[in-house]
Amino acid sequence: MIDIKKIADEANMIIAGYAFTQIDGKVRVLNLNNTKSAAVLALDGEILEASMPDIELVIVSNYYNQNRQFMEV
């Protein structure tokens, strides 16, 4: 079972219920309200993997690209 609280606590940034966590030179994104919805982004915002609908992926990508300078690393 996924520990949502732990993921949220370890996230570098949370926007609109999405936890963005930088790990191994990539950014893992998890929808905290639907843990089946996740993605992996490159640091430059390129989408590497995803298990979320395309529209949600566009939204997450926009959140990341507009706010990545605020990621606590």
PDB file of N, CA and C in Angstrom:
ATOM      1  N   MET A   1       0.837  -1.186   0.000  1.00  0.00           N
ATOM      2  CA  MET A   1       0.000   0.000   0.000  1.00  0.00           C
ATOM      3  C   MET A   1       0.877   1.243   0.000  1.00  0.00           C
ATOM      4  N   ILE A   2       0.483   2.224  -0.757  1.00  0.00           N
ATOM      5  CA  ILE A   2       1.244   3.464  -0.878  1.00  0.00           C
ATOM      6  C   ILE A   2       0.996   4.341   0.350  1.00  0.00           C
ATOM      7  N   ASP A   3       2.070   4.864   0.930  1.00  0.00           N
ATOM      8  CA  ASP A   3       1.973   5.758   2.080  1.00  0.00           C
ATOM      9  C   ASP A   3       1.933   7.199   1.555  1.00  0.00           C
ATOM     10  N   ILE A   4       0.741   7.708   1.354  1.00  0.00           N
ATOM     11  CA  ILE A   4       0.561   9.038   0.765  1.00  0.00           C
ATOM     12  C   ILE A   4       1.185  10.117   1.629  1.00  0.00           C
ATOM     13  N   LYS A   5       1.064  10.009   2.931  1.00  0.00           N
ATOM     14  CA  LYS A   5       1.644  11.017   3.826  1.00  0.00           C
ATOM     15  C   LYS A   5       3.155  11.063   3.670  1.00  0.00           C
ATOM     16  N   LYS A   6       3.793   9.908   3.577  1.00  0.00           N
ATOM     17  CA  LYS A   6       5.247   9.863   3.414  1.00  0.00           C
ATOM     18  C   LYS A   6       5.662  10.488   2.083  1.00  0.00           C
ATOM     19  N   ILE A   7       4.932  10.177   1.029  1.00  0.00           N
ATOM     20  CA  ILE A   7       5.239  10.749  -0.288  1.00  0.00           C
ATOM     21  C   ILE A   7       5.082  12.261  -0.249  1.00  0.00           C
ATOM     22  N   ALA A   8       4.002  12.731   0.360  1.00  0.00           N
ATOM     23  CA  ALA A   8       3.777  14.177   0.460  1.00  0.00           C
ATOM     24  C   ALA A   8       4.863  14.848   1.294  1.00  0.00           C
ATOM     25  N   ASP A   9       5.273  14.211   2.396  1.00  0.00           N
ATOM     26  CA  ASP A   9       6.319  14.784   3.245  1.00  0.00           C
ATOM     27  C   ASP A   9       7.659  14.861   2.522  1.00  0.00           C
ATOM     28  N   GLU A  10       7.944  13.888   1.664  1.00  0.00           N
ATOM     29  CA  GLU A  10       9.233  13.833   0.973  1.00  0.00           C
ATOM     30  C   GLU A  10       9.238  14.600  -0.352  1.00  0.00           C
ATOM     31  N   ALA A  11       8.078  15.071  -0.793  1.00  0.00           N
ATOM     32  CA  ALA A  11       7.987  15.782  -2.069  1.00  0.00           C
ATOM     33  C   ALA A  11       8.747  17.106  -2.001  1.00  0.00           C
ATOM     34  N   ASN A  12       9.347  17.459  -3.117  1.00  0.00           N
ATOM     35  CA  ASN A  12      10.026  18.744  -3.214  1.00  0.00           C
ATOM     36  C   ASN A  12       9.033  19.879  -3.428  1.00  0.00           C
ATOM     37  N   MET A  13       7.883  19.528  -4.022  1.00  0.00           N
ATOM     38  CA  MET A  13       6.880  20.543  -4.342  1.00  0.00           C
ATOM     39  C   MET A  13       5.533  19.841  -4.472  1.00  0.00           C
ATOM     40  N   ILE A  14       4.476  20.473  -3.977  1.00  0.00           N
ATOM     41  CA  ILE A  14       3.121  19.961  -4.155  1.00  0.00           C
ATOM     42  C   ILE A  14       2.282  21.089  -4.745  1.00  0.00           C
ATOM     43  N   ILE A  15       1.618  20.777  -5.863  1.00  0.00           N
ATOM     44  CA  ILE A  15       0.751  21.752  -6.526  1.00  0.00           C
ATOM     45  C   ILE A  15      -0.560  21.055  -6.853  1.00  0.00           C
ATOM     46  N   ALA A  16      -1.661  21.614  -6.384  1.00  0.00           N
ATOM     47  CA  ALA A  16      -3.013  21.135  -6.713  1.00  0.00           C
ATOM     48  C   ALA A  16      -3.167  19.629  -6.522  1.00  0.00           C
ATOM     49  N   GLY A  17      -2.589  19.101  -5.478  1.00  0.00           N
ATOM     50  CA  GLY A  17      -2.736  17.685  -5.182  1.00  0.00           C
ATOM     51  C   GLY A  17      -1.754  16.769  -5.892  1.00  0.00           C
ATOM     52  N   TYR A  18      -0.789  17.337  -6.593  1.00  0.00           N
ATOM     53  CA  TYR A  18       0.250  16.550  -7.266  1.00  0.00           C
ATOM     54  C   TYR A  18       1.573  16.734  -6.520  1.00  0.00           C
ATOM     55  N   ALA A  19       2.182  15.621  -6.150  1.00  0.00           N
ATOM     56  CA  ALA A  19       3.471  15.655  -5.460  1.00  0.00           C
ATOM     57  C   ALA A  19       4.578  15.486  -6.501  1.00  0.00           C
ATOM     58  N   PHE A  20       5.513  16.422  -6.516  1.00  0.00           N
ATOM     59  CA  PHE A  20       6.660  16.396  -7.425  1.00  0.00           C
ATOM     60  C   PHE A  20       7.898  16.095  -6.589  1.00  0.00           C
ATOM     61  N   THR A  21       8.558  14.973  -6.877  1.00  0.00           N
ATOM     62  CA  THR A  21       9.715  14.547  -6.106  1.00  0.00           C
ATOM     63  C   THR A  21      10.880  14.279  -7.045  1.00  0.00           C
ATOM     64  N   GLN A  22      11.993  14.968  -6.805  1.00  0.00           N
ATOM     65  CA  GLN A  22      13.176  14.757  -7.640  1.00  0.00           C
ATOM     66  C   GLN A  22      13.980  13.580  -7.086  1.00  0.00           C
ATOM     67  N   ILE A  23      14.174  12.562  -7.922  1.00  0.00           N
ATOM     68  CA  ILE A  23      14.922  11.367  -7.547  1.00  0.00           C
ATOM     69  C   ILE A  23      15.759  10.932  -8.734  1.00  0.00           C
ATOM     70  N   ASP A  24      17.041  10.713  -8.512  1.00  0.00           N
ATOM     71  CA  ASP A  24      17.948  10.190  -9.537  1.00  0.00           C
ATOM     72  C   ASP A  24      17.912  10.987 -10.839  1.00  0.00           C
ATOM     73  N   GLY A  25      17.879  12.297 -10.746  1.00  0.00           N
ATOM     74  CA  GLY A  25      17.913  13.142 -11.940  1.00  0.00           C
ATOM     75  C   GLY A  25      16.612  13.158 -12.724  1.00  0.00           C
ATOM     76  N   LYS A  26      15.537  12.689 -12.120  1.00  0.00           N
ATOM     77  CA  LYS A  26      14.216  12.703 -12.740  1.00  0.00           C
ATOM     78  C   LYS A  26      13.219  13.256 -11.726  1.00  0.00           C
ATOM     79  N   VAL A  27      12.057  13.610 -12.213  1.00  0.00           N
ATOM     80  CA  VAL A  27      11.007  14.109 -11.330  1.00  0.00           C
ATOM     81  C   VAL A  27       9.835  13.140 -11.389  1.00  0.00           C
ATOM     82  N   ARG A  28       9.501  12.576 -10.260  1.00  0.00           N
ATOM     83  CA  ARG A  28       8.347  11.680 -10.174  1.00  0.00           C
ATOM     84  C   ARG A  28       7.148  12.489  -9.717  1.00  0.00           C
ATOM     85  N   VAL A  29       6.036  12.293 -10.398  1.00  0.00           N
ATOM     86  CA  VAL A  29       4.817  13.030 -10.097  1.00  0.00           C
ATOM     87  C   VAL A  29       3.741  12.022  -9.709  1.00  0.00           C
ATOM     88  N   LEU A  30       3.072  12.284  -8.596  1.00  0.00           N
ATOM     89  CA  LEU A  30       1.998  11.413  -8.154  1.00  0.00           C
ATOM     90  C   LEU A  30       0.779  12.256  -7.812  1.00  0.00           C
ATOM     91  N   ASN A  31      -0.367  11.841  -8.331  1.00  0.00           N
ATOM     92  CA  ASN A  31      -1.625  12.469  -7.963  1.00  0.00           C
ATOM     93  C   ASN A  31      -1.987  11.918  -6.591  1.00  0.00           C
ATOM     94  N   LEU A  32      -1.964  12.742  -5.584  1.00  0.00           N
ATOM     95  CA  LEU A  32      -2.223  12.302  -4.211  1.00  0.00           C
ATOM     96  C   LEU A  32      -3.675  11.911  -3.988  1.00  0.00           C
ATOM     97  N   ASN A  33      -4.559  12.326  -4.885  1.00  0.00           N
ATOM     98  CA  ASN A  33      -5.973  11.980  -4.775  1.00  0.00           C
ATOM     99  C   ASN A  33      -6.333  10.714  -5.545  1.00  0.00           C
ATOM    100  N   ASN A  34      -5.437  10.276  -6.439  1.00  0.00           N
ATOM    101  CA  ASN A  34      -5.641   9.070  -7.233  1.00  0.00           C
ATOM    102  C   ASN A  34      -4.260   8.475  -7.507  1.00  0.00           C
ATOM    103  N   THR A  35      -3.798   7.611  -6.644  1.00  0.00           N
ATOM    104  CA  THR A  35      -2.415   7.126  -6.719  1.00  0.00           C
ATOM    105  C   THR A  35      -2.135   6.232  -7.919  1.00  0.00           C
ATOM    106  N   LYS A  36      -3.148   5.890  -8.692  1.00  0.00           N
ATOM    107  CA  LYS A  36      -2.914   5.162  -9.940  1.00  0.00           C
ATOM    108  C   LYS A  36      -2.461   6.101 -11.052  1.00  0.00           C
ATOM    109  N   SER A  37      -2.534   7.380 -10.798  1.00  0.00           N
ATOM    110  CA  SER A  37      -2.183   8.406 -11.768  1.00  0.00           C
ATOM    111  C   SER A  37      -0.803   8.972 -11.422  1.00  0.00           C
ATOM    112  N   ALA A  38       0.194   8.609 -12.236  1.00  0.00           N
ATOM    113  CA  ALA A  38       1.573   9.009 -11.949  1.00  0.00           C
ATOM    114  C   ALA A  38       2.319   9.284 -13.254  1.00  0.00           C
ATOM    115  N   ALA A  39       3.452   9.965 -13.125  1.00  0.00           N
ATOM    116  CA  ALA A  39       4.287  10.253 -14.290  1.00  0.00           C
ATOM    117  C   ALA A  39       5.731  10.421 -13.845  1.00  0.00           C
ATOM    118  N   VAL A  40       6.636  10.293 -14.807  1.00  0.00           N
ATOM    119  CA  VAL A  40       8.052  10.567 -14.584  1.00  0.00           C
ATOM    120  C   VAL A  40       8.469  11.578 -15.644  1.00  0.00           C
ATOM    121  N   LEU A  41       9.070  12.676 -15.189  1.00  0.00           N
ATOM    122  CA  LEU A  41       9.526  13.733 -16.081  1.00  0.00           C
ATOM    123  C   LEU A  41      11.041  13.863 -16.002  1.00  0.00           C
ATOM    124  N   ALA A  42      11.649  14.276 -17.107  1.00  0.00           N
ATOM    125  CA  ALA A  42      13.055  14.659 -17.066  1.00  0.00           C
ATOM    126  C   ALA A  42      13.125  16.029 -16.390  1.00  0.00           C
ATOM    127  N   LEU A  43      14.299  16.420 -15.935  1.00  0.00           N
ATOM    128  CA  LEU A  43      14.435  17.713 -15.262  1.00  0.00           C
ATOM    129  C   LEU A  43      14.047  18.878 -16.158  1.00  0.00           C
ATOM    130  N   ASP A  44      14.178  18.700 -17.479  1.00  0.00           N
ATOM    131  CA  ASP A  44      13.797  19.772 -18.403  1.00  0.00           C
ATOM    132  C   ASP A  44      12.300  19.768 -18.723  1.00  0.00           C
ATOM    133  N   GLY A  45      11.542  18.824 -18.125  1.00  0.00           N
ATOM    134  CA  GLY A  45      10.102  18.773 -18.317  1.00  0.00           C
ATOM    135  C   GLY A  45       9.632  17.758 -19.343  1.00  0.00           C
ATOM    136  N   GLU A  46      10.552  17.105 -20.031  1.00  0.00           N
ATOM    137  CA  GLU A  46      10.173  16.088 -21.016  1.00  0.00           C
ATOM    138  C   GLU A  46       9.474  14.925 -20.305  1.00  0.00           C
ATOM    139  N   ILE A  47       8.400  14.443 -20.886  1.00  0.00           N
ATOM    140  CA  ILE A  47       7.645  13.334 -20.313  1.00  0.00           C
ATOM    141  C   ILE A  47       8.343  12.027 -20.679  1.00  0.00           C
ATOM    142  N   LEU A  48       8.729  11.260 -19.665  1.00  0.00           N
ATOM    143  CA  LEU A  48       9.431  10.000 -19.887  1.00  0.00           C
ATOM    144  C   LEU A  48       8.493   8.800 -19.759  1.00  0.00           C
ATOM    145  N   GLU A  49       7.620   8.819 -18.766  1.00  0.00           N
ATOM    146  CA  GLU A  49       6.663   7.735 -18.517  1.00  0.00           C
ATOM    147  C   GLU A  49       5.405   8.342 -17.922  1.00  0.00           C
ATOM    148  N   ALA A  50       4.274   7.674 -18.147  1.00  0.00           N
ATOM    149  CA  ALA A  50       3.041   8.180 -17.553  1.00  0.00           C
ATOM    150  C   ALA A  50       1.977   7.093 -17.476  1.00  0.00           C
ATOM    151  N   SER A  51       1.181   7.171 -16.432  1.00  0.00           N
ATOM    152  CA  SER A  51       0.019   6.304 -16.292  1.00  0.00           C
ATOM    153  C   SER A  51      -1.205   7.162 -15.977  1.00  0.00           C
ATOM    154  N   MET A  52      -1.286   8.291 -16.666  1.00  0.00           N
ATOM    155  CA  MET A  52      -2.406   9.198 -16.465  1.00  0.00           C
ATOM    156  C   MET A  52      -2.945   9.608 -17.834  1.00  0.00           C
ATOM    157  N   PRO A  53      -4.190  10.031 -17.885  1.00  0.00           N
ATOM    158  CA  PRO A  53      -4.768  10.472 -19.156  1.00  0.00           C
ATOM    159  C   PRO A  53      -3.995  11.660 -19.742  1.00  0.00           C
ATOM    160  N   ASP A  54      -4.055  11.803 -21.053  1.00  0.00           N
ATOM    161  CA  ASP A  54      -3.299  12.853 -21.732  1.00  0.00           C
ATOM    162  C   ASP A  54      -3.595  14.247 -21.209  1.00  0.00           C
ATOM    163  N   ILE A  55      -4.850  14.568 -20.950  1.00  0.00           N
ATOM    164  CA  ILE A  55      -5.188  15.911 -20.475  1.00  0.00           C
ATOM    165  C   ILE A  55      -4.578  16.173 -19.100  1.00  0.00           C
ATOM    166  N   GLU A  56      -4.590  15.169 -18.239  1.00  0.00           N
ATOM    167  CA  GLU A  56      -3.976  15.314 -16.923  1.00  0.00           C
ATOM    168  C   GLU A  56      -2.464  15.467 -17.055  1.00  0.00           C
ATOM    169  N   LEU A  57      -1.884  14.763 -17.998  1.00  0.00           N
ATOM    170  CA  LEU A  57      -0.447  14.856 -18.244  1.00  0.00           C
ATOM    171  C   LEU A  57      -0.057  16.256 -18.721  1.00  0.00           C
ATOM    172  N   VAL A  58      -0.878  16.848 -19.559  1.00  0.00           N
ATOM    173  CA  VAL A  58      -0.630  18.219 -20.012  1.00  0.00           C
ATOM    174  C   VAL A  58      -0.694  19.186 -18.836  1.00  0.00           C
ATOM    175  N   ILE A  59      -1.680  19.011 -17.975  1.00  0.00           N
ATOM    176  CA  ILE A  59      -1.835  19.879 -16.805  1.00  0.00           C
ATOM    177  C   ILE A  59      -0.624  19.748 -15.883  1.00  0.00           C
ATOM    178  N   VAL A  60      -0.212  18.506 -15.588  1.00  0.00           N
ATOM    179  CA  VAL A  60       0.936  18.262 -14.706  1.00  0.00           C
ATOM    180  C   VAL A  60       2.208  18.840 -15.317  1.00  0.00           C
ATOM    181  N   SER A  61       2.376  18.645 -16.601  1.00  0.00           N
ATOM    182  CA  SER A  61       3.557  19.172 -17.293  1.00  0.00           C
ATOM    183  C   SER A  61       3.594  20.699 -17.200  1.00  0.00           C
ATOM    184  N   ASN A  62       2.445  21.334 -17.380  1.00  0.00           N
ATOM    185  CA  ASN A  62       2.384  22.793 -17.256  1.00  0.00           C
ATOM    186  C   ASN A  62       2.700  23.248 -15.836  1.00  0.00           C
ATOM    187  N   TYR A  63       2.146  22.558 -14.835  1.00  0.00           N
ATOM    188  CA  TYR A  63       2.459  22.894 -13.439  1.00  0.00           C
ATOM    189  C   TYR A  63       3.970  22.825 -13.213  1.00  0.00           C
ATOM    190  N   TYR A  64       4.586  21.753 -13.694  1.00  0.00           N
ATOM    191  CA  TYR A  64       6.026  21.585 -13.479  1.00  0.00           C
ATOM    192  C   TYR A  64       6.815  22.670 -14.199  1.00  0.00           C
ATOM    193  N   ASN A  65       6.526  22.887 -15.476  1.00  0.00           N
ATOM    194  CA  ASN A  65       7.298  23.853 -16.253  1.00  0.00           C
ATOM    195  C   ASN A  65       7.157  25.277 -15.728  1.00  0.00           C
ATOM    196  N   GLN A  66       5.997  25.616 -15.190  1.00  0.00           N
ATOM    197  CA  GLN A  66       5.787  26.967 -14.668  1.00  0.00           C
ATOM    198  C   GLN A  66       6.360  27.165 -13.269  1.00  0.00           C
ATOM    199  N   ASN A  67       6.646  26.073 -12.559  1.00  0.00           N
ATOM    200  CA  ASN A  67       7.063  26.193 -11.157  1.00  0.00           C
ATOM    201  C   ASN A  67       8.357  25.466 -10.812  1.00  0.00           C
ATOM    202  N   ARG A  68       9.050  24.906 -11.778  1.00  0.00           N
ATOM    203  CA  ARG A  68      10.217  24.083 -11.443  1.00  0.00           C
ATOM    204  C   ARG A  68      11.320  24.868 -10.756  1.00  0.00           C
ATOM    205  N   GLN A  69      11.369  26.177 -10.935  1.00  0.00           N
ATOM    206  CA  GLN A  69      12.398  26.968 -10.255  1.00  0.00           C
ATOM    207  C   GLN A  69      12.190  26.977  -8.737  1.00  0.00           C
ATOM    208  N   PHE A  70      10.991  26.593  -8.288  1.00  0.00           N
ATOM    209  CA  PHE A  70      10.701  26.562  -6.859  1.00  0.00           C
ATOM    210  C   PHE A  70      10.937  25.218  -6.210  1.00  0.00           C
ATOM    211  N   MET A  71      11.359  24.231  -7.000  1.00  0.00           N
ATOM    212  CA  MET A  71      11.628  22.900  -6.440  1.00  0.00           C
ATOM    213  C   MET A  71      12.759  23.026  -5.431  1.00  0.00           C
ATOM    214  N   GLU A  72      12.537  22.504  -4.245  1.00  0.00           N
ATOM    215  CA  GLU A  72      13.582  22.481  -3.214  1.00  0.00           C
ATOM    216  C   GLU A  72      14.457  21.275  -3.487  1.00  0.00           C
ATOM    217  N   VAL A  73      15.707  21.524  -3.761  1.00  0.00           N
ATOM    218  CA  VAL A  73      16.623  20.407  -4.053  1.00  0.00           C
ATOM    219  C   VAL A  73      17.702  20.347  -3.015  1.00  0.00           C
TER     220      VAL A  73
END
